[in-house]
Amino acid sequence: MPMMKKSEFGGGKEGNKYCTHCTYPNGDLKPQHEIREGMILYTIKTRGWDRAKAAQFVDEHMAGMPAWK
């Protein structure tokens, strides 16, 4: 996620390399399985895909994210 505003950085800390969606309120990175599950559920909700298709999409997307390379 491109982070342009302070509120988009994990913990509201400019310079944190992880966004607010991937971190706890203090800015620490959440575990990969927690992020993956949230992204799968969001993808199902917003795209109307079944779980298998959403999981494949999320796994491919996460493979390119700095935290999960």
N, C-alpha and C. Protein backbone atom coordinates (compact mmCIF):
# COMPACT_ATOMS: atom_id res chain seq x y z
N MET A 1 0.85 -1.17 0.00
CA MET A 1 0.00 0.00 0.00
C MET A 1 0.89 1.23 0.00
N PRO A 2 0.66 2.13 -0.93
CA PRO A 2 1.42 3.38 -0.89
C PRO A 2 1.04 4.16 0.37
N MET A 3 2.02 4.65 1.08
CA MET A 3 1.76 5.38 2.31
C MET A 3 2.16 6.83 2.11
N MET A 4 1.16 7.70 2.10
CA MET A 4 1.38 9.11 1.84
C MET A 4 1.16 9.96 3.09
N LYS A 5 0.22 9.54 3.93
CA LYS A 5 -0.11 10.29 5.14
C LYS A 5 0.41 9.54 6.36
N LYS A 6 0.70 10.28 7.41
CA LYS A 6 1.22 9.68 8.64
C LYS A 6 0.29 8.58 9.14
N SER A 7 -1.01 8.77 9.01
CA SER A 7 -1.99 7.80 9.51
C SER A 7 -1.96 6.47 8.75
N GLU A 8 -1.33 6.43 7.60
CA GLU A 8 -1.25 5.20 6.81
C GLU A 8 -0.06 4.32 7.19
N PHE A 9 0.89 4.90 7.91
CA PHE A 9 2.06 4.15 8.38
C PHE A 9 1.70 3.37 9.63
N GLY A 10 2.22 2.19 9.77
CA GLY A 10 1.96 1.38 10.95
C GLY A 10 2.25 2.13 12.23
N GLY A 11 1.29 2.16 13.12
CA GLY A 11 1.44 2.86 14.38
C GLY A 11 1.45 4.37 14.24
N GLY A 12 1.13 4.87 13.04
CA GLY A 12 1.18 6.30 12.80
C GLY A 12 2.60 6.84 12.81
N LYS A 13 3.55 5.94 12.61
CA LYS A 13 4.97 6.30 12.69
C LYS A 13 5.55 6.43 11.28
N GLU A 14 5.76 7.66 10.85
CA GLU A 14 6.37 7.86 9.55
C GLU A 14 7.72 7.16 9.54
N GLY A 15 8.00 6.48 8.47
CA GLY A 15 9.24 5.73 8.39
C GLY A 15 9.03 4.25 8.66
N ASN A 16 7.90 3.89 9.29
CA ASN A 16 7.60 2.46 9.46
C ASN A 16 7.41 1.90 8.07
N LYS A 17 8.08 0.82 7.74
CA LYS A 17 7.99 0.28 6.38
C LYS A 17 6.72 -0.53 6.15
N TYR A 18 5.89 -0.69 7.19
CA TYR A 18 4.64 -1.44 7.05
C TYR A 18 3.45 -0.52 7.28
N CYS A 19 2.38 -0.79 6.55
CA CYS A 19 1.18 0.06 6.62
C CYS A 19 0.32 -0.28 7.83
N THR A 20 -0.65 0.55 8.04
CA THR A 20 -1.56 0.39 9.18
C THR A 20 -2.38 -0.90 9.10
N HIS A 21 -2.61 -1.42 7.89
CA HIS A 21 -3.38 -2.66 7.74
C HIS A 21 -2.59 -3.89 8.17
N CYS A 22 -1.27 -3.82 8.08
CA CYS A 22 -0.42 -4.97 8.38
C CYS A 22 0.22 -4.90 9.77
N THR A 23 -0.16 -3.90 10.55
CA THR A 23 0.45 -3.72 11.86
C THR A 23 -0.59 -3.59 12.96
N TYR A 24 -0.13 -3.85 14.16
CA TYR A 24 -0.93 -3.57 15.35
C TYR A 24 -0.90 -2.07 15.60
N PRO A 25 -1.76 -1.55 16.47
CA PRO A 25 -1.77 -0.11 16.75
C PRO A 25 -0.41 0.48 17.16
N ASN A 26 0.47 -0.35 17.75
CA ASN A 26 1.78 0.15 18.15
C ASN A 26 2.79 0.16 17.01
N GLY A 27 2.39 -0.36 15.84
CA GLY A 27 3.26 -0.36 14.67
C GLY A 27 4.00 -1.66 14.42
N ASP A 28 3.89 -2.63 15.33
CA ASP A 28 4.53 -3.93 15.13
C ASP A 28 3.78 -4.73 14.06
N LEU A 29 4.54 -5.44 13.25
CA LEU A 29 3.98 -6.24 12.17
C LEU A 29 3.13 -7.39 12.73
N LYS A 30 1.95 -7.58 12.15
CA LYS A 30 1.08 -8.71 12.51
C LYS A 30 1.65 -9.98 11.87
N PRO A 31 1.29 -11.15 12.38
CA PRO A 31 1.75 -12.41 11.77
C PRO A 31 1.16 -12.58 10.36
N GLN A 32 1.92 -13.23 9.51
CA GLN A 32 1.52 -13.42 8.12
C GLN A 32 0.15 -14.10 8.00
N HIS A 33 -0.10 -15.12 8.81
CA HIS A 33 -1.38 -15.84 8.68
C HIS A 33 -2.57 -14.93 9.00
N GLU A 34 -2.38 -13.99 9.91
CA GLU A 34 -3.46 -13.07 10.27
C GLU A 34 -3.75 -12.10 9.11
N ILE A 35 -2.71 -11.59 8.49
CA ILE A 35 -2.87 -10.69 7.35
C ILE A 35 -3.51 -11.45 6.19
N ARG A 36 -3.03 -12.64 5.93
CA ARG A 36 -3.55 -13.45 4.82
C ARG A 36 -5.05 -13.69 4.98
N GLU A 37 -5.46 -14.09 6.17
CA GLU A 37 -6.88 -14.38 6.39
C GLU A 37 -7.74 -13.14 6.18
N GLY A 38 -7.28 -12.02 6.70
CA GLY A 38 -8.02 -10.78 6.53
C GLY A 38 -8.13 -10.38 5.07
N MET A 39 -7.05 -10.56 4.32
CA MET A 39 -7.07 -10.23 2.91
C MET A 39 -7.98 -11.16 2.12
N ILE A 40 -7.99 -12.44 2.49
CA ILE A 40 -8.88 -13.39 1.82
C ILE A 40 -10.33 -12.98 2.05
N LEU A 41 -10.70 -12.70 3.29
CA LEU A 41 -12.07 -12.32 3.59
C LEU A 41 -12.45 -11.02 2.89
N TYR A 42 -11.54 -10.07 2.84
CA TYR A 42 -11.80 -8.80 2.14
C TYR A 42 -12.00 -9.04 0.65
N THR A 43 -11.17 -9.90 0.06
CA THR A 43 -11.28 -10.20 -1.36
C THR A 43 -12.59 -10.90 -1.68
N ILE A 44 -12.99 -11.83 -0.86
CA ILE A 44 -14.29 -12.51 -1.06
C ILE A 44 -15.41 -11.48 -1.01
N LYS A 45 -15.36 -10.60 -0.04
CA LYS A 45 -16.42 -9.59 0.15
C LYS A 45 -16.47 -8.60 -1.01
N THR A 46 -15.32 -8.12 -1.45
CA THR A 46 -15.30 -7.06 -2.45
C THR A 46 -15.36 -7.55 -3.89
N ARG A 47 -14.90 -8.78 -4.12
CA ARG A 47 -14.89 -9.29 -5.50
C ARG A 47 -15.90 -10.40 -5.74
N GLY A 48 -16.45 -10.93 -4.65
CA GLY A 48 -17.45 -11.97 -4.79
C GLY A 48 -16.89 -13.32 -5.21
N TRP A 49 -15.61 -13.53 -5.01
CA TRP A 49 -14.97 -14.78 -5.39
C TRP A 49 -15.17 -15.84 -4.33
N ASP A 50 -15.02 -17.11 -4.74
CA ASP A 50 -15.03 -18.17 -3.73
C ASP A 50 -13.69 -18.16 -3.00
N ARG A 51 -13.63 -18.89 -1.88
CA ARG A 51 -12.44 -18.86 -1.03
C ARG A 51 -11.17 -19.31 -1.75
N ALA A 52 -11.27 -20.35 -2.55
CA ALA A 52 -10.09 -20.88 -3.24
C ALA A 52 -9.50 -19.84 -4.20
N LYS A 53 -10.33 -19.19 -4.97
CA LYS A 53 -9.85 -18.18 -5.91
C LYS A 53 -9.28 -16.98 -5.16
N ALA A 54 -9.96 -16.56 -4.09
CA ALA A 54 -9.47 -15.44 -3.29
C ALA A 54 -8.13 -15.78 -2.64
N ALA A 55 -7.99 -16.99 -2.12
CA ALA A 55 -6.73 -17.40 -1.48
C ALA A 55 -5.59 -17.42 -2.48
N GLN A 56 -5.83 -17.90 -3.68
CA GLN A 56 -4.79 -17.93 -4.70
C GLN A 56 -4.37 -16.50 -5.05
N PHE A 57 -5.33 -15.61 -5.22
CA PHE A 57 -5.05 -14.22 -5.52
C PHE A 57 -4.22 -13.57 -4.41
N VAL A 58 -4.64 -13.78 -3.17
CA VAL A 58 -3.95 -13.19 -2.02
C VAL A 58 -2.53 -13.75 -1.90
N ASP A 59 -2.37 -15.05 -2.07
CA ASP A 59 -1.03 -15.65 -1.97
C ASP A 59 -0.09 -15.06 -3.02
N GLU A 60 -0.59 -14.87 -4.24
CA GLU A 60 0.24 -14.29 -5.29
C GLU A 60 0.57 -12.83 -4.97
N HIS A 61 -0.41 -12.09 -4.46
CA HIS A 61 -0.19 -10.70 -4.10
C HIS A 61 0.79 -10.57 -2.95
N MET A 62 0.63 -11.37 -1.93
CA MET A 62 1.49 -11.28 -0.76
C MET A 62 2.94 -11.65 -1.08
N ALA A 63 3.13 -12.49 -2.08
CA ALA A 63 4.49 -12.89 -2.45
C ALA A 63 5.33 -11.69 -2.91
N GLY A 64 4.66 -10.63 -3.34
CA GLY A 64 5.37 -9.43 -3.78
C GLY A 64 5.45 -8.34 -2.73
N MET A 65 4.89 -8.59 -1.57
CA MET A 65 4.90 -7.59 -0.50
C MET A 65 6.21 -7.69 0.28
N PRO A 66 6.83 -6.55 0.61
CA PRO A 66 8.13 -6.57 1.28
C PRO A 66 8.19 -7.45 2.54
N ALA A 67 7.15 -7.45 3.34
CA ALA A 67 7.19 -8.19 4.59
C ALA A 67 7.19 -9.70 4.38
N TRP A 68 6.70 -10.16 3.25
CA TRP A 68 6.49 -11.60 3.06
C TRP A 68 7.36 -12.20 1.96
N LYS A 69 8.33 -11.45 1.46
CA LYS A 69 9.23 -11.98 0.41
C LYS A 69 10.15 -13.02 0.99
